[in-house]
């Protein structure tokens, strides 16, 4: 696959690799795609919540925070 980047984006990719945060350009794009996928998942989850609110469904603060803590733990385990 070949992609064309604007000079600004090319510079950003080079800068990220040179900073040592990424091994190479491919790693930059792999992370960018993972983040885009995660953003899409989060938008879908937000929409589920909004739909629940529209239907009058509510969750207690305890339930919400328990869910947030569980998700944080899940993300931390995935990063190990």
N, C-alpha and C. Protein backbone atom coordinates (compact mmCIF):
# COMPACT_ATOMS: atom_id res chain seq x y z
N UNK A 1 0.84 -1.18 0.00
CA UNK A 1 0.00 0.00 0.00
C UNK A 1 0.89 1.23 0.00
N UNK A 2 0.51 2.17 -0.80
CA UNK A 2 1.24 3.43 -0.87
C UNK A 2 0.29 4.56 -0.51
N UNK A 3 0.75 5.46 0.33
CA UNK A 3 -0.07 6.61 0.68
C UNK A 3 0.75 7.89 0.47
N UNK A 4 0.06 8.94 0.13
CA UNK A 4 0.68 10.24 -0.05
C UNK A 4 0.32 11.11 1.15
N UNK A 5 1.33 11.70 1.76
CA UNK A 5 1.11 12.58 2.90
C UNK A 5 1.48 14.01 2.52
N UNK A 6 0.81 14.94 3.16
CA UNK A 6 1.21 16.34 3.00
C UNK A 6 2.58 16.50 3.65
N UNK A 7 3.32 17.51 3.26
CA UNK A 7 4.63 17.74 3.89
C UNK A 7 4.52 17.88 5.41
N UNK A 8 3.43 18.49 5.89
CA UNK A 8 3.25 18.67 7.32
C UNK A 8 3.10 17.33 8.03
N UNK A 9 2.30 16.43 7.45
CA UNK A 9 2.11 15.12 8.06
C UNK A 9 3.37 14.28 7.97
N UNK A 10 4.08 14.39 6.86
CA UNK A 10 5.34 13.68 6.71
C UNK A 10 6.32 14.12 7.80
N UNK A 11 6.38 15.42 8.02
CA UNK A 11 7.25 15.96 9.07
C UNK A 11 6.85 15.43 10.44
N UNK A 12 5.55 15.39 10.70
CA UNK A 12 5.06 14.89 11.99
C UNK A 12 5.46 13.43 12.19
N UNK A 13 5.29 12.61 11.18
CA UNK A 13 5.66 11.20 11.29
C UNK A 13 7.16 11.08 11.56
N UNK A 14 7.97 11.81 10.80
CA UNK A 14 9.42 11.76 11.01
C UNK A 14 9.78 12.19 12.43
N UNK A 15 9.13 13.26 12.89
CA UNK A 15 9.39 13.79 14.24
C UNK A 15 9.04 12.75 15.31
N UNK A 16 7.94 12.03 15.13
CA UNK A 16 7.55 11.01 16.10
C UNK A 16 8.55 9.86 16.13
N UNK A 17 9.05 9.47 14.98
CA UNK A 17 10.05 8.40 14.93
C UNK A 17 11.36 8.89 15.55
N UNK A 18 11.78 10.08 15.18
CA UNK A 18 13.04 10.63 15.70
C UNK A 18 13.00 10.85 17.20
N UNK A 19 11.80 11.07 17.76
CA UNK A 19 11.68 11.28 19.20
C UNK A 19 11.93 10.00 19.98
N UNK A 20 11.86 8.88 19.27
CA UNK A 20 12.05 7.59 19.94
C UNK A 20 10.75 6.98 20.43
N UNK A 21 9.64 7.67 20.25
CA UNK A 21 8.36 7.14 20.68
C UNK A 21 7.90 5.97 19.81
N UNK A 22 8.40 5.92 18.58
CA UNK A 22 8.03 4.87 17.64
C UNK A 22 9.27 4.34 16.95
N UNK A 23 9.27 3.05 16.70
CA UNK A 23 10.43 2.43 16.07
C UNK A 23 10.61 2.87 14.62
N UNK A 24 9.50 3.03 13.91
CA UNK A 24 9.55 3.41 12.50
C UNK A 24 8.20 3.98 12.07
N UNK A 25 8.13 4.35 10.81
CA UNK A 25 6.90 4.95 10.28
C UNK A 25 5.72 4.00 10.39
N UNK A 26 5.96 2.73 10.15
CA UNK A 26 4.88 1.74 10.22
C UNK A 26 4.27 1.71 11.62
N UNK A 27 5.09 1.83 12.65
CA UNK A 27 4.59 1.83 14.02
C UNK A 27 3.71 3.06 14.28
N UNK A 28 4.07 4.19 13.68
CA UNK A 28 3.26 5.40 13.83
C UNK A 28 1.87 5.17 13.25
N UNK A 29 1.83 4.62 12.04
CA UNK A 29 0.54 4.41 11.39
C UNK A 29 -0.27 3.32 12.07
N UNK A 30 0.40 2.29 12.57
CA UNK A 30 -0.32 1.23 13.30
C UNK A 30 -0.99 1.81 14.54
N UNK A 31 -0.28 2.64 15.28
CA UNK A 31 -0.85 3.26 16.47
C UNK A 31 -1.99 4.21 16.10
N UNK A 32 -1.80 4.97 15.03
CA UNK A 32 -2.85 5.90 14.59
C UNK A 32 -4.12 5.13 14.24
N UNK A 33 -3.98 4.00 13.56
CA UNK A 33 -5.15 3.21 13.20
C UNK A 33 -5.81 2.59 14.42
N UNK A 34 -5.01 2.15 15.38
CA UNK A 34 -5.58 1.62 16.64
C UNK A 34 -6.38 2.70 17.36
N UNK A 35 -5.83 3.91 17.39
CA UNK A 35 -6.52 5.01 18.06
C UNK A 35 -7.82 5.38 17.33
N UNK A 36 -7.80 5.35 16.02
CA UNK A 36 -9.02 5.62 15.27
C UNK A 36 -10.08 4.56 15.53
N UNK A 37 -9.64 3.32 15.61
CA UNK A 37 -10.59 2.24 15.92
C UNK A 37 -11.17 2.43 17.32
N UNK A 38 -10.33 2.78 18.27
CA UNK A 38 -10.79 3.00 19.65
C UNK A 38 -11.75 4.17 19.71
N UNK A 39 -11.46 5.23 18.96
CA UNK A 39 -12.35 6.38 18.92
C UNK A 39 -13.73 5.99 18.41
N UNK A 40 -13.74 5.16 17.39
CA UNK A 40 -15.01 4.68 16.84
C UNK A 40 -15.77 3.86 17.88
N UNK A 41 -15.06 3.01 18.62
CA UNK A 41 -15.69 2.21 19.68
C UNK A 41 -16.27 3.11 20.77
N UNK A 42 -15.52 4.14 21.14
CA UNK A 42 -15.99 5.06 22.18
C UNK A 42 -17.22 5.83 21.72
N UNK A 43 -17.21 6.26 20.47
CA UNK A 43 -18.39 6.97 19.94
C UNK A 43 -19.62 6.06 19.98
N UNK A 44 -19.43 4.79 19.63
CA UNK A 44 -20.55 3.84 19.67
C UNK A 44 -21.04 3.65 21.10
N UNK A 45 -20.11 3.57 22.05
CA UNK A 45 -20.49 3.40 23.45
C UNK A 45 -21.23 4.64 23.96
N UNK A 46 -20.79 5.80 23.55
CA UNK A 46 -21.47 7.04 23.95
C UNK A 46 -22.88 7.06 23.37
N UNK A 47 -23.01 6.62 22.13
CA UNK A 47 -24.33 6.59 21.51
C UNK A 47 -25.27 5.65 22.25
N UNK A 48 -24.74 4.51 22.70
CA UNK A 48 -25.55 3.57 23.49
C UNK A 48 -26.06 4.28 24.75
N UNK A 49 -25.15 5.00 25.42
CA UNK A 49 -25.55 5.73 26.63
C UNK A 49 -26.59 6.80 26.35
N UNK A 50 -26.41 7.52 25.25
CA UNK A 50 -27.38 8.56 24.90
C UNK A 50 -28.74 7.94 24.57
N UNK A 51 -28.72 6.82 23.89
CA UNK A 51 -29.98 6.14 23.58
C UNK A 51 -30.68 5.67 24.86
N UNK A 52 -29.88 5.17 25.81
CA UNK A 52 -30.46 4.75 27.09
C UNK A 52 -31.09 5.94 27.81
N UNK A 53 -30.40 7.06 27.80
CA UNK A 53 -30.96 8.26 28.43
C UNK A 53 -32.25 8.69 27.76
N UNK A 54 -32.28 8.62 26.43
CA UNK A 54 -33.50 8.98 25.70
C UNK A 54 -34.67 8.08 26.09
N UNK A 55 -34.36 6.82 26.43
CA UNK A 55 -35.41 5.88 26.84
C UNK A 55 -35.75 6.02 28.32
N UNK A 56 -35.05 6.94 29.00
CA UNK A 56 -35.30 7.13 30.42
C UNK A 56 -34.54 6.19 31.33
N UNK A 57 -33.61 5.44 30.77
CA UNK A 57 -32.81 4.52 31.59
C UNK A 57 -31.68 5.29 32.27
N UNK A 58 -31.53 5.04 33.54
CA UNK A 58 -30.49 5.73 34.31
C UNK A 58 -29.63 4.69 35.04
N UNK A 59 -28.40 5.10 35.37
CA UNK A 59 -27.49 4.26 36.13
C UNK A 59 -27.00 5.06 37.33
N UNK A 60 -26.82 4.39 38.43
CA UNK A 60 -26.31 5.09 39.62
C UNK A 60 -24.85 5.44 39.43
N UNK A 61 -24.39 6.41 40.19
CA UNK A 61 -22.98 6.81 40.13
C UNK A 61 -22.08 5.63 40.46
N UNK A 62 -22.49 4.81 41.42
CA UNK A 62 -21.69 3.65 41.80
C UNK A 62 -21.52 2.70 40.62
N UNK A 63 -22.61 2.48 39.87
CA UNK A 63 -22.53 1.60 38.70
C UNK A 63 -21.60 2.17 37.63
N UNK A 64 -21.72 3.47 37.42
CA UNK A 64 -20.90 4.12 36.40
C UNK A 64 -19.43 4.03 36.77
N UNK A 65 -19.09 4.37 38.03
CA UNK A 65 -17.69 4.34 38.44
C UNK A 65 -17.13 2.92 38.47
N UNK A 66 -17.94 1.95 38.82
CA UNK A 66 -17.49 0.55 38.79
C UNK A 66 -17.16 0.14 37.35
N UNK A 67 -17.99 0.57 36.41
CA UNK A 67 -17.75 0.27 35.01
C UNK A 67 -16.48 0.96 34.52
N UNK A 68 -16.29 2.21 34.89
CA UNK A 68 -15.10 2.95 34.49
C UNK A 68 -13.85 2.28 35.05
N UNK A 69 -13.88 1.89 36.32
CA UNK A 69 -12.73 1.22 36.92
C UNK A 69 -12.43 -0.09 36.20
N UNK A 70 -13.46 -0.85 35.85
CA UNK A 70 -13.27 -2.11 35.15
C UNK A 70 -12.64 -1.87 33.77
N UNK A 71 -13.09 -0.84 33.10
CA UNK A 71 -12.54 -0.54 31.77
C UNK A 71 -11.09 -0.08 31.86
N UNK A 72 -10.76 0.69 32.89
CA UNK A 72 -9.37 1.13 33.08
C UNK A 72 -8.49 -0.08 33.32
N UNK A 73 -8.94 -1.00 34.15
CA UNK A 73 -8.18 -2.22 34.41
C UNK A 73 -7.98 -3.01 33.13
N UNK A 74 -9.03 -3.09 32.31
CA UNK A 74 -8.94 -3.81 31.03
C UNK A 74 -7.89 -3.18 30.12
N UNK A 75 -7.89 -1.87 30.05
CA UNK A 75 -6.92 -1.17 29.19
C UNK A 75 -5.50 -1.37 29.72
N UNK A 76 -5.33 -1.27 31.03
CA UNK A 76 -4.01 -1.45 31.63
C UNK A 76 -3.48 -2.86 31.36
N UNK A 77 -4.33 -3.85 31.45
CA UNK A 77 -3.89 -5.23 31.18
C UNK A 77 -3.52 -5.39 29.71
N UNK A 78 -4.25 -4.75 28.83
CA UNK A 78 -3.96 -4.86 27.40
C UNK A 78 -2.64 -4.20 27.03
N UNK A 79 -2.23 -3.21 27.82
CA UNK A 79 -0.98 -2.49 27.53
C UNK A 79 0.25 -3.22 28.06
N UNK A 80 0.06 -4.24 28.87
CA UNK A 80 1.19 -4.95 29.47
C UNK A 80 1.76 -5.96 28.53
